[in-house]
Protein backbone atom coordinates (compact mmCIF):
# COMPACT_ATOMS: atom_id res chain seq x y z
CA MET A 1 79.10 40.77 37.66
CA LEU A 2 76.73 43.42 35.72
CA PHE A 3 73.91 41.83 36.42
CA ALA A 4 74.84 40.67 40.24
CA ARG A 5 71.59 40.16 42.50
CA ARG A 6 71.34 42.41 45.35
CA ARG A 7 70.31 39.88 47.77
CA LYS A 8 71.73 36.59 47.18
CA PRO A 9 69.04 34.39 47.82
CA GLY A 10 68.74 32.25 50.50
CA TRP A 11 69.05 27.68 50.97
CA ARG A 12 64.99 28.41 50.66
CA GLU A 13 65.67 29.68 47.57
CA ARG A 14 67.76 28.09 46.30
CA LEU A 15 65.80 24.83 46.82
CA ARG A 16 61.69 26.13 45.62
CA VAL A 17 63.85 27.30 41.76
CA ALA A 18 65.31 23.79 42.47
CA VAL A 19 61.85 21.79 42.41
CA TRP A 20 60.28 24.83 40.85
CA PRO A 21 61.76 27.22 38.31
CA ARG A 22 61.16 30.67 38.45
CA HIS A 23 59.23 31.09 35.26
CA SER A 24 57.56 27.72 34.51
CA TRP A 25 58.51 24.07 33.26
CA ARG A 26 57.27 24.73 30.47
CA ARG A 27 59.79 27.83 29.51
CA SER A 28 62.38 26.47 30.96
CA LEU A 29 61.83 23.58 29.27
CA LYS A 30 61.66 24.85 26.10
CA TYR A 31 65.30 27.39 26.39
CA VAL A 32 66.47 23.29 27.56
CA GLY A 33 65.43 22.06 24.18
CA LYS A 34 66.32 24.84 21.77
CA ARG A 35 69.93 24.57 23.61
CA ILE A 36 70.21 20.90 22.42
CA VAL A 37 68.57 21.56 18.56
CA ARG A 38 71.42 23.95 18.90
CA LEU A 39 75.12 22.38 20.00
CA SER A 40 77.23 22.06 16.97
CA ALA A 41 77.96 19.23 16.63
CA THR A 42 76.41 15.39 13.94
CA PRO A 43 72.87 14.60 14.82
CA HIS A 44 74.09 11.35 16.19
CA ALA A 45 76.14 12.71 18.79
CA VAL A 46 73.90 15.04 20.58
CA ALA A 47 70.99 12.51 20.00
CA ALA A 48 73.71 10.16 21.77
CA GLY A 49 74.38 12.38 24.32
CA VAL A 50 71.41 13.14 25.59
CA ALA A 51 69.87 9.17 25.78
CA ALA A 52 73.84 8.56 27.68
CA GLY A 53 71.94 11.82 30.35
CA VAL A 54 68.64 9.91 29.80
CA CYS A 55 70.08 6.43 31.20
CA ALA A 56 72.46 7.88 33.88
CA SER A 57 69.78 9.52 35.55
CA THR A 58 67.52 6.54 35.94
CA THR A 59 70.89 4.92 38.48
CA PRO A 60 70.50 5.16 41.21
CA PHE A 61 73.39 6.81 42.20
CA LEU A 62 73.22 9.48 43.36
CA GLY A 63 76.38 12.44 42.51
CA LEU A 64 77.95 9.76 40.26
CA GLN A 65 75.00 10.65 37.13
CA PHE A 66 76.63 12.97 35.46
CA ILE A 67 80.02 11.21 35.29
CA LEU A 68 78.34 8.19 34.62
CA SER A 69 76.39 10.30 31.00
CA PHE A 70 79.60 11.23 30.24
CA LEU A 71 81.54 7.66 30.74
CA ILE A 72 78.15 5.86 28.39
CA ALA A 73 78.27 9.19 26.29
CA VAL A 74 81.99 8.77 25.32
CA ILE A 75 82.00 5.25 25.02
CA ILE A 76 78.89 5.75 22.15
CA GLY A 77 80.59 8.30 20.65
CA GLY A 78 78.05 11.71 22.17
CA ASN A 79 77.92 14.61 22.76
CA LEU A 80 79.48 15.83 26.93
CA ILE A 81 77.24 18.76 26.70
CA ALA A 82 74.53 17.26 25.63
CA ALA A 83 74.63 14.46 28.15
CA ALA A 84 74.36 16.80 30.66
CA PHE A 85 71.91 17.62 29.79
CA GLY A 86 70.23 14.51 29.33
CA SER A 87 70.57 14.05 33.15
CA PHE A 88 68.60 16.41 34.02
CA PHE A 89 65.82 13.66 33.08
CA GLY A 90 66.28 13.03 36.63
CA ASN A 91 65.44 15.44 38.49
CA PRO A 92 62.85 16.16 42.64
CA LEU A 93 60.23 15.27 40.10
CA THR A 94 61.30 11.96 38.40
CA TYR A 95 63.05 10.87 41.03
CA PRO A 96 59.93 9.68 42.59
CA PHE A 97 58.44 8.01 39.57
CA ILE A 98 62.16 6.63 38.12
CA TRP A 99 63.29 4.59 41.62
CA ALA A 100 59.57 3.55 42.04
CA SER A 101 60.31 1.87 38.03
CA THR A 102 63.38 0.82 38.55
CA PHE A 103 62.76 -0.66 41.94
CA ARG A 104 59.15 -2.81 40.88
CA LEU A 105 60.67 -3.51 37.88
CA GLY A 106 64.61 -5.00 39.66
CA SER A 107 62.32 -6.94 41.39
CA GLY A 108 60.32 -8.44 39.06
CA LEU A 109 63.64 -9.76 37.09
CA LEU A 110 65.13 -11.00 40.34
CA GLY A 111 62.09 -13.10 40.70
CA GLU A 112 60.89 -11.41 44.39
CA ASP A 113 58.23 -9.72 45.35
CA ALA A 114 58.48 -6.11 44.72
CA ARG A 115 55.64 -5.06 47.95
CA ALA A 116 57.05 -7.83 50.89
CA ARG A 117 60.30 -6.72 49.71
CA GLU A 118 59.00 -2.89 50.36
CA ALA A 119 58.10 -4.18 54.14
CA ILE A 120 61.12 -5.38 54.79
CA VAL A 121 63.72 -3.70 53.08
CA LEU A 122 61.93 -0.03 54.43
CA HIS A 123 61.30 -0.83 58.32
CA PRO A 124 63.56 1.86 59.69
CA ASP A 125 66.42 -0.77 61.13
CA ASN A 126 67.24 -1.74 57.50
CA LEU A 127 67.61 1.79 56.58
CA ARG A 128 70.66 2.76 59.21
CA SER A 129 73.07 1.00 57.24
CA VAL A 130 75.41 0.17 53.76
CA ASP A 131 73.92 -3.76 54.16
CA GLY A 132 70.19 -1.77 55.06
CA LEU A 133 70.09 -0.61 52.08
CA MET A 134 71.77 -3.25 49.92
CA PRO A 135 68.52 -4.15 49.23
CA ILE A 136 66.98 -1.51 48.46
CA LEU A 137 69.77 -1.03 45.80
CA LYS A 138 70.60 -4.36 43.82
CA PRO A 139 66.81 -4.52 42.83
CA MET A 140 66.68 -0.72 41.37
CA VAL A 141 70.63 -1.10 39.88
CA VAL A 142 68.57 -4.56 37.70
CA GLY A 143 65.83 -2.49 36.91
CA SER A 144 67.95 0.77 36.41
CA ILE A 145 69.49 -1.36 33.47
CA PRO A 146 65.99 -1.61 30.44
CA LEU A 147 64.89 1.59 32.05
CA GLY A 148 67.74 3.18 31.09
CA LEU A 149 68.09 1.93 27.84
CA ALA A 150 64.05 1.71 27.16
CA THR A 151 64.07 6.03 28.24
CA GLY A 152 67.47 6.34 26.46
CA LEU A 153 65.87 4.71 23.01
CA VAL A 154 63.21 7.22 22.74
CA PHE A 155 65.06 9.99 23.35
CA TYR A 156 68.10 9.12 20.56
CA LEU A 157 65.38 9.08 18.06
CA LEU A 158 63.00 12.19 19.90
CA VAL A 159 66.84 14.32 19.34
CA TYR A 160 68.02 12.64 16.13
CA VAL A 161 64.79 13.91 14.59
CA ALA A 162 64.79 17.59 15.96
CA VAL A 163 68.45 18.46 14.99
CA THR A 164 68.50 16.45 11.77
CA THR A 165 64.50 18.73 11.00
CA TYR A 166 66.86 21.51 12.78
CA GLN A 167 70.02 21.82 11.06
CA ARG A 168 69.08 21.09 7.43
CA ARG A 169 65.92 24.49 7.63
CA ARG A 170 69.53 26.15 9.10
CA ARG A 171 71.48 25.32 6.23
CA ARG A 172 68.20 25.98 3.64
CA TRP A 173 67.88 29.56 5.46
CA LEU A 174 71.84 29.68 5.48
CA GLN A 175 71.97 29.30 1.58
CA GLU A 176 69.31 31.18 0.62
CA ARG A 177 70.53 34.08 2.66
CA ARG A 178 74.12 33.82 1.13
CA GLN A 179 72.21 33.50 -2.32
CA ALA A 180 70.07 37.32 -1.52
CA ARG A 181 73.71 38.90 -0.33
CA THR A 182 74.89 37.55 -3.91
CA LEU A 183 72.18 38.59 -5.47
CA ALA A 184 71.98 41.36 -3.62
CA GLU A 185 76.33 42.43 -4.73
CA VAL A 186 75.20 41.94 -8.38
CA ALA A 187 72.51 44.00 -8.58
CA ASP A 188 74.49 46.72 -6.99
CA ALA A 189 78.03 46.20 -9.87
CA ALA A 190 75.36 46.73 -12.51
CA SER A 191 73.82 49.84 -10.45
CA ALA A 192 77.20 51.33 -10.84
CA PRO A 193 77.79 54.42 -12.90
CA ALA A 194 80.21 53.17 -15.22
CA PRO A 195 83.72 54.39 -14.63
CA ILE A 196 85.13 57.93 -16.71
CA GLY A 197 88.27 56.57 -19.16
CA ASN A 198 90.82 59.57 -19.66
CA ALA A 199 90.11 61.49 -22.73
């Protein structure tokens, strides 16, 4: 590679970059936002793809969220690249808030006291087997459905407006550029010397 690093980053450096970008979160989010609005698809496809990724990120199924986001995007007619970008909504900084919210919401929907359930579920003996994890996963799955639908809808609306605005401005800019080029060609043709006829 032309710009490959001389020294490959170790696992600590890669973990640090995964949690905190090299430059800043603002710059990284701005970059992702620009990549999303510049996707060559309809506003609905881009917005639906991002919504699918965000919705999949609220589920507790780590490692399957990309696949889940692609499945949801295919079902609702979303763009797969946008779905991949949307799935970054779930990251090491947001997961604690997402998981706590889905657990509390799911426990409430199941008619259970979340704090009492946490005291039982989070006991070290219960975390050593799949059966011990099921009391945690069940409310999280139940809670992820309304949370995923709500956040997906919010992101759909935001991205739809952003992509529509960007594409409208781009079309206007391209049209003005074509008109300027046409006027320049007409002006060049008018200013060109007339050909001398045969005597």
